[in-house]
Amino acid sequence: MNRSRSDASTEEELCHVGLPYALLEAAPPVFGAWAALPDKPAAPERRRWLARTIETEIIPRLMLVHRTAQAVQADLPAAPVRPTAAQVDEMAHLVLDRDSQAALAFVQSLRAAGVALELIYLELLAPSARLLGAWWDDDLCSFADVTLGLWRLQQVMHAIGADLRLSPDAARPARRAILVPVPGSQHTMGLFIVSEFFRRAGWEVWGDAAVSAHDIVAAARREWFDLLGVSLGSENQVDALASVILDVRKASRNRALVVIIGGPIVASIPGLLARVGADATAEDAPQAVSQAESLLAERSAGA
């Protein structure tokens, strides 16, 4: 790669590669966080922003994905076909130098060769995202390059997400969940993976990264849901989280609504469950599904 970090503004870099700055607010969470910064920030601020983004968005999501590895092993063949290091490298180059369609075609070729979809998530897409970050850190690509690459990886995840939902569990009557971040939160990337694992377990999921507190409460008042799952991004959102949970419980058509909270910081906040009025916490996607199923079974047995 003949790339290096540029000191030009990221706005100019993104326009150069064909993504107008005006589209940032409508783009995925990585771009949404950037749109909140002052116009044309200096290179040091851009680098600090990317460091914060990797710390609060990318790394928690990668940790979330990798913590699912043991959970999917039972569903894999005895000797599964796994992505290789060379294929991870190729995937990273595709999202860096080409587009999401080329990357999606590569994923489809691996699936045709027998690589399980779970391993596409765990051992191809997540390591590719981490590799992009390493290349940026080694001055091999610019801020705009790595941001667009991560965005293209997210597009691939969305494209193959429907297939991940197809499982034997999907035949049973669906339970319904609201899965959302604390309204106004930028920390939404991990929630996508959680939603996909709930869908794979046969759940119907309602939610959106940009949903408002009013929309969440209105949905709970309008429709029946078994579960409210909320992702917490930082400790200064605790009061907002408590307010959302209280309002949803009051409005919910389901008087026995289960509430689970998650996010990379929930385990570090003492007494969080009591403070916000939730029933349980979850560290990762499989644990969230398991907690939800267990709590619902307990409430059904006690009904």
Protein backbone atom coordinates (compact mmCIF):
# COMPACT_ATOMS: atom_id res chain seq x y z
CA MET A 1 0.00 0.00 0.00
CA ASN A 2 1.42 3.33 -1.00
CA ARG A 3 -0.59 5.28 1.55
CA SER A 4 0.18 7.67 4.37
CA ARG A 5 -1.79 9.77 6.79
CA SER A 6 -2.87 13.06 5.33
CA ASP A 7 -2.92 16.39 7.15
CA ALA A 8 -5.73 17.64 4.88
CA SER A 9 -9.12 17.89 6.55
CA THR A 10 -11.15 14.71 6.62
CA GLU A 11 -14.00 16.60 4.98
CA GLU A 12 -11.79 17.16 1.93
CA GLU A 13 -10.51 13.58 1.98
CA LEU A 14 -14.01 12.11 2.10
CA CYS A 15 -15.22 14.36 -0.71
CA HIS A 16 -12.18 13.30 -2.75
CA VAL A 17 -13.18 9.64 -2.51
CA GLY A 18 -16.76 10.45 -3.43
CA LEU A 19 -18.58 10.78 -0.11
CA PRO A 20 -19.78 14.38 0.34
CA TYR A 21 -19.47 15.77 3.86
CA ALA A 22 -23.17 16.63 3.77
CA LEU A 23 -24.00 12.90 3.82
CA LEU A 24 -22.16 12.22 7.07
CA GLU A 25 -25.16 12.75 9.35
CA ALA A 26 -27.10 10.10 7.41
CA ALA A 27 -24.22 7.61 7.40
CA PRO A 28 -23.39 4.88 9.96
CA PRO A 29 -22.33 5.65 13.55
CA VAL A 30 -18.64 6.22 12.76
CA PHE A 31 -19.63 9.11 10.48
CA GLY A 32 -22.32 10.37 12.85
CA ALA A 33 -19.76 10.85 15.61
CA TRP A 34 -17.45 12.71 13.22
CA ALA A 35 -20.27 15.03 12.15
CA ALA A 36 -20.53 16.28 15.74
CA LEU A 37 -16.99 17.67 15.67
CA PRO A 38 -16.19 21.32 14.82
CA ASP A 39 -15.70 22.13 11.14
CA LYS A 40 -12.29 21.31 9.68
CA PRO A 41 -10.59 20.18 12.91
CA ALA A 42 -6.82 19.99 12.93
CA ALA A 43 -5.01 16.73 12.30
CA PRO A 44 -4.22 16.10 16.02
CA GLU A 45 -7.91 16.42 16.90
CA ARG A 46 -8.86 14.05 14.06
CA ARG A 47 -6.41 11.51 15.39
CA ARG A 48 -7.68 11.90 18.96
CA TRP A 49 -11.23 11.45 17.66
CA LEU A 50 -10.30 8.26 15.82
CA ALA A 51 -8.53 6.94 18.91
CA ARG A 52 -11.69 7.58 20.95
CA THR A 53 -13.84 5.98 18.26
CA ILE A 54 -11.68 2.86 18.17
CA GLU A 55 -11.72 2.68 21.97
CA THR A 56 -15.47 3.21 22.46
CA GLU A 57 -16.92 1.79 19.23
CA ILE A 58 -14.63 -0.55 17.32
CA ILE A 59 -12.83 -2.36 20.15
CA PRO A 60 -16.01 -3.08 22.19
CA ARG A 61 -17.66 -4.41 19.05
CA LEU A 62 -14.69 -6.64 18.25
CA MET A 63 -14.62 -7.87 21.85
CA LEU A 64 -18.33 -8.57 21.62
CA VAL A 65 -17.90 -10.56 18.42
CA HIS A 66 -14.93 -12.54 19.70
CA ARG A 67 -16.70 -13.40 22.96
CA THR A 68 -19.33 -15.20 20.86
CA ALA A 69 -16.75 -17.69 19.56
CA GLN A 70 -17.39 -20.38 22.18
CA ALA A 71 -21.15 -19.97 21.79
CA VAL A 72 -21.12 -20.89 18.10
CA GLN A 73 -18.64 -23.77 18.27
CA ALA A 74 -21.39 -26.29 19.00
CA ASP A 75 -23.14 -25.36 15.75
CA LEU A 76 -20.05 -25.90 13.58
CA PRO A 77 -18.86 -29.10 11.90
CA ALA A 78 -16.10 -31.09 13.61
CA ALA A 79 -13.55 -29.70 11.14
CA PRO A 80 -15.02 -26.39 9.90
CA VAL A 81 -13.57 -24.49 6.96
CA ARG A 82 -12.07 -21.35 8.45
CA PRO A 83 -10.97 -18.04 6.91
CA THR A 84 -7.19 -17.83 6.56
CA ALA A 85 -4.88 -14.98 7.49
CA ALA A 86 -4.39 -14.30 3.78
CA GLN A 87 -8.15 -14.01 3.29
CA VAL A 88 -8.43 -11.59 6.22
CA ASP A 89 -5.72 -9.49 4.55
CA GLU A 90 -7.55 -9.65 1.22
CA MET A 91 -10.83 -8.60 2.83
CA ALA A 92 -9.17 -5.61 4.47
CA HIS A 93 -7.66 -4.56 1.14
CA LEU A 94 -11.03 -4.91 -0.61
CA VAL A 95 -12.84 -2.57 1.78
CA LEU A 96 -9.89 -0.19 1.71
CA ASP A 97 -9.31 -0.05 -2.05
CA ARG A 98 -12.56 -1.17 -3.71
CA ASP A 99 -16.14 -1.03 -2.45
CA SER A 100 -18.64 -2.95 -0.36
CA GLN A 101 -19.94 -4.90 -3.36
CA ALA A 102 -16.49 -6.31 -4.10
CA ALA A 103 -16.13 -7.20 -0.43
CA LEU A 104 -19.57 -8.82 -0.36
CA ALA A 105 -18.73 -10.87 -3.45
CA PHE A 106 -15.59 -12.10 -1.69
CA VAL A 107 -17.62 -13.10 1.37
CA GLN A 108 -20.08 -14.97 -0.83
CA SER A 109 -17.23 -16.87 -2.49
CA LEU A 110 -15.99 -17.98 0.93
CA ARG A 111 -19.45 -19.11 1.93
CA ALA A 112 -19.72 -21.08 -1.32
CA ALA A 113 -16.42 -22.75 -0.37
CA GLY A 114 -17.96 -23.92 2.90
CA VAL A 115 -17.06 -21.22 5.46
CA ALA A 116 -19.88 -20.99 8.03
CA LEU A 117 -21.57 -17.62 8.35
CA GLU A 118 -20.73 -17.43 12.06
CA LEU A 119 -17.04 -17.75 11.17
CA ILE A 120 -17.41 -15.03 8.55
CA TYR A 121 -18.40 -12.71 11.41
CA LEU A 122 -15.92 -14.04 13.95
CA GLU A 123 -12.81 -14.81 11.93
CA LEU A 124 -13.02 -12.63 8.81
CA LEU A 125 -14.92 -9.38 9.37
CA ALA A 126 -13.79 -8.64 12.93
CA PRO A 127 -10.07 -9.35 12.25
CA SER A 128 -10.30 -7.28 9.05
CA ALA A 129 -11.57 -4.30 11.03
CA ARG A 130 -8.75 -4.72 13.52
CA LEU A 131 -6.24 -4.93 10.66
CA LEU A 132 -7.47 -1.62 9.23
CA GLY A 133 -6.79 0.00 12.58
CA ALA A 134 -3.29 -1.49 12.66
CA TRP A 135 -2.53 -0.17 9.17
CA TRP A 136 -3.65 3.32 10.17
CA ASP A 137 -1.51 3.13 13.30
CA ASP A 138 1.50 2.17 11.14
CA ASP A 139 0.94 5.13 8.76
CA LEU A 140 -0.10 2.84 5.90
CA CYS A 141 -3.49 4.46 5.31
CA SER A 142 -5.22 7.73 6.11
CA PHE A 143 -8.02 8.58 8.49
CA ALA A 144 -10.47 8.74 5.57
CA ASP A 145 -9.26 5.36 4.27
CA VAL A 146 -9.84 3.54 7.55
CA THR A 147 -13.18 5.28 8.19
CA LEU A 148 -14.52 4.33 4.77
CA GLY A 149 -13.14 0.81 5.16
CA LEU A 150 -14.98 0.35 8.45
CA TRP A 151 -18.14 1.74 6.89
CA ARG A 152 -17.88 -0.78 4.03
CA LEU A 153 -17.39 -3.61 6.51
CA GLN A 154 -20.56 -2.50 8.25
CA GLN A 155 -22.40 -2.53 4.91
CA VAL A 156 -21.28 -6.13 4.36
CA MET A 157 -22.50 -7.07 7.85
CA HIS A 158 -25.89 -5.58 7.08
CA ALA A 159 -26.05 -7.39 3.73
CA ILE A 160 -25.38 -10.83 5.22
CA GLY A 161 -27.32 -10.21 8.43
CA ALA A 162 -30.56 -11.68 7.10
CA ASP A 163 -28.84 -15.01 6.47
CA LEU A 164 -27.51 -15.11 10.03
CA ARG A 165 -31.10 -14.94 11.24
CA LEU A 166 -32.06 -18.15 9.48
CA SER A 167 -31.83 -20.89 12.09
CA PRO A 168 -33.90 -23.83 13.37
CA ASP A 169 -35.05 -21.65 16.28
CA ALA A 170 -36.70 -19.26 13.85
CA ALA A 171 -39.58 -21.71 13.33
CA ARG A 172 -40.93 -21.24 16.87
CA PRO A 173 -43.33 -18.42 17.82
CA ALA A 174 -41.31 -15.22 17.87
CA ARG A 175 -40.76 -13.24 21.00
CA ARG A 176 -40.46 -9.51 20.49
CA ALA A 177 -37.75 -7.15 21.70
CA ILE A 178 -36.96 -3.45 21.66
CA LEU A 179 -33.16 -3.19 21.29
CA VAL A 180 -31.85 0.38 21.34
CA PRO A 181 -28.99 2.54 22.60
CA VAL A 182 -29.60 5.20 25.21
CA PRO A 183 -31.19 7.96 23.07
CA GLY A 184 -28.54 10.33 21.80
CA SER A 185 -25.72 7.85 22.28
CA GLN A 186 -22.94 7.54 19.70
CA HIS A 187 -22.00 4.08 21.00
CA THR A 188 -24.25 1.95 18.82
CA MET A 189 -22.05 -0.41 16.82
CA GLY A 190 -22.13 -3.37 19.19
CA LEU A 191 -25.92 -3.23 19.28
CA PHE A 192 -26.05 -4.34 15.65
CA ILE A 193 -24.37 -7.65 16.50
CA VAL A 194 -26.65 -8.17 19.51
CA SER A 195 -29.73 -7.59 17.33
CA GLU A 196 -28.55 -10.13 14.77
CA PHE A 197 -28.06 -12.83 17.43
CA PHE A 198 -31.53 -12.18 18.84
CA ARG A 199 -32.99 -12.54 15.36
CA ARG A 200 -31.07 -15.77 14.85
CA ALA A 201 -32.63 -17.09 18.06
CA GLY A 202 -36.08 -16.44 16.60
CA TRP A 203 -36.85 -13.02 18.05
CA GLU A 204 -38.50 -10.14 16.25
CA VAL A 205 -36.48 -7.00 16.93
CA TRP A 206 -37.61 -3.39 16.84
CA GLY A 207 -35.06 -0.64 17.14
CA ASP A 208 -32.86 1.93 15.43
CA ALA A 209 -29.56 3.60 16.29
CA ALA A 210 -31.10 7.08 16.03
CA VAL A 211 -34.39 6.37 17.80
CA SER A 212 -35.67 8.95 20.30
CA ALA A 213 -36.99 8.33 23.80
CA HIS A 214 -40.44 9.40 22.57
CA ASP A 215 -40.31 6.80 19.79
CA ILE A 216 -39.30 4.02 22.20
CA VAL A 217 -42.12 4.82 24.60
CA ALA A 218 -44.63 5.12 21.75
CA ALA A 219 -43.61 1.70 20.39
CA ALA A 220 -44.03 0.08 23.84
CA ARG A 221 -47.48 1.67 24.18
CA ARG A 222 -48.53 0.67 20.65
CA GLU A 223 -47.25 -2.93 20.45
CA TRP A 224 -46.57 -5.91 22.70
CA PHE A 225 -42.91 -6.54 23.55
CA ASP A 226 -41.39 -9.17 25.82
CA LEU A 227 -38.06 -7.42 26.27
CA LEU A 228 -36.46 -3.99 26.41
CA GLY A 229 -32.71 -4.12 25.83
CA VAL A 230 -30.71 -0.89 26.12
CA SER A 231 -27.02 -0.36 25.37
CA LEU A 232 -25.20 2.07 27.68
CA GLY A 233 -22.20 3.88 26.21
CA SER A 234 -20.93 6.01 29.09
CA GLU A 235 -21.58 6.64 32.79
CA ASN A 236 -22.98 10.11 32.15
CA GLN A 237 -25.94 8.45 30.40
CA VAL A 238 -27.11 6.59 33.52
CA ASP A 239 -29.82 9.11 34.40
CA ALA A 240 -31.11 9.12 30.81
CA LEU A 241 -31.14 5.31 30.86
CA ALA A 242 -33.14 5.23 34.11
CA SER A 243 -35.64 7.71 32.67
CA VAL A 244 -36.16 5.66 29.50
CA ILE A 245 -36.65 2.41 31.43
CA LEU A 246 -39.16 4.02 33.83
CA ASP A 247 -41.15 5.60 31.00
CA VAL A 248 -41.22 2.40 28.95
CA ARG A 249 -42.34 0.31 31.93
CA LYS A 250 -45.19 2.77 32.58
CA ALA A 251 -46.27 2.77 28.94
CA SER A 252 -45.73 -0.91 28.10
CA ARG A 253 -48.66 -3.12 27.21
CA ASN A 254 -46.70 -5.91 28.91
CA ARG A 255 -46.80 -5.40 32.69
CA ALA A 256 -44.08 -8.10 33.07
CA LEU A 257 -41.66 -6.53 30.58
CA VAL A 258 -38.10 -7.82 30.99
CA VAL A 259 -35.39 -5.14 30.89
CA ILE A 260 -31.75 -5.99 30.18
CA ILE A 261 -28.93 -3.47 29.87
CA GLY A 262 -25.58 -3.97 28.17
CA GLY A 263 -22.50 -2.19 26.97
CA PRO A 264 -18.76 -2.20 27.66
CA ILE A 265 -19.03 -0.24 30.92
CA VAL A 266 -22.04 -1.78 32.70
CA ALA A 267 -19.91 -4.10 34.85
CA SER A 268 -17.83 -1.18 36.13
CA ILE A 269 -20.71 0.89 37.57
CA PRO A 270 -21.65 -0.20 41.13
CA GLY A 271 -25.34 -0.75 41.83
CA LEU A 272 -26.32 0.01 38.24
CA LEU A 273 -29.31 -2.36 38.10
CA ALA A 274 -30.97 -0.75 41.11
CA ARG A 275 -30.15 2.76 39.89
CA VAL A 276 -31.84 2.31 36.50
CA GLY A 277 -34.55 -0.25 37.33
CA ALA A 278 -33.36 -3.05 35.03
CA ASP A 279 -33.65 -6.79 35.61
CA ALA A 280 -30.24 -7.96 34.39
CA THR A 281 -27.05 -7.02 32.59
CA ALA A 282 -25.33 -8.82 29.72
CA GLU A 283 -21.71 -8.64 28.60
CA ASP A 284 -22.19 -10.01 25.08
CA ALA A 285 -24.76 -11.13 22.52
CA PRO A 286 -25.10 -14.81 23.55
CA GLN A 287 -25.42 -13.84 27.20
CA ALA A 288 -28.08 -11.26 26.36
CA VAL A 289 -30.15 -13.88 24.51
CA SER A 290 -29.67 -16.42 27.31
CA GLN A 291 -30.60 -13.90 30.02
CA ALA A 292 -33.71 -12.87 28.13
CA GLU A 293 -34.84 -16.45 27.58
CA SER A 294 -34.22 -17.41 31.22
CA LEU A 295 -36.03 -14.41 32.66
CA LEU A 296 -39.02 -14.90 30.38
CA ALA A 297 -39.19 -18.59 31.29
CA GLU A 298 -39.12 -17.72 34.99
CA ARG A 299 -41.92 -15.21 34.60
CA SER A 300 -44.00 -17.62 32.54
CA ALA A 301 -43.57 -20.33 35.17
CA GLY A 302 -44.61 -17.95 37.91
CA ALA A 303 -47.63 -16.59 36.05
